[in-house]
Amino acid sequence: MQVSVKGADRKLGNLLRKACKFYGSELMHGNLAKHLSVKIILHNKSKEYPDKGSCLWDDDWNSKKPREFTITIAKGQTKIDKLHTLAHEMVHVKQYAKGEMDGILHKDGFQKWKGAMFQLNPRVNPAKTSGGIMTNKYDYYYLPWEIEAYGLEVGLTWYFKTKYGIE
């Protein structure tokens, strides 16, 4: 896996690079992980970058299984929070690279996940439906790809910190 880091000092950059490769090896088959390119950019939070992190693919939007990604991470977080954010976004890299999620918001707010079109109903209940859009900002936490990412970020970060003695 090729990993570059921008916006961090050498020590943090090396840590994020090491963590990115570790998370990739834990989440994906070695053959898939070695063919990925991940650019990590640290930004100050702003209107343009309001979140703790994000993951976008850089390949052509028609690509069913992209291999080039940009992960942004907010600078204002602690080192451990940055590792959590990176783990979360690497789960999304896995989801895109394996074709589990297409990353395109389809007509009426649908998202393709593992071959099915998903959307949440107004009662904040995950559902495969034929109409409607997300109506609640809290619906985000019920999206199946976010459930997977939030669940795995904890274990991945703990395993990385334990294996490499990070405090």
Foldseek 3Di string as FASTA:
>chain_A
DAEEEPDDPPVLRVVLVVLLLLLLVVLDPPVLSVQAYEYEYEDADDPVRPDQKEKDAPDPLVDQAGRYMYMYGYPVDDSLVSLLSSSLRSLVNSCRNVNQWSPDQDPQRWTRGNRATWAADAVLDTDRDDHHHDDDPVNVCVPPSNVVSNVRSVVSSVVVCVVVVND
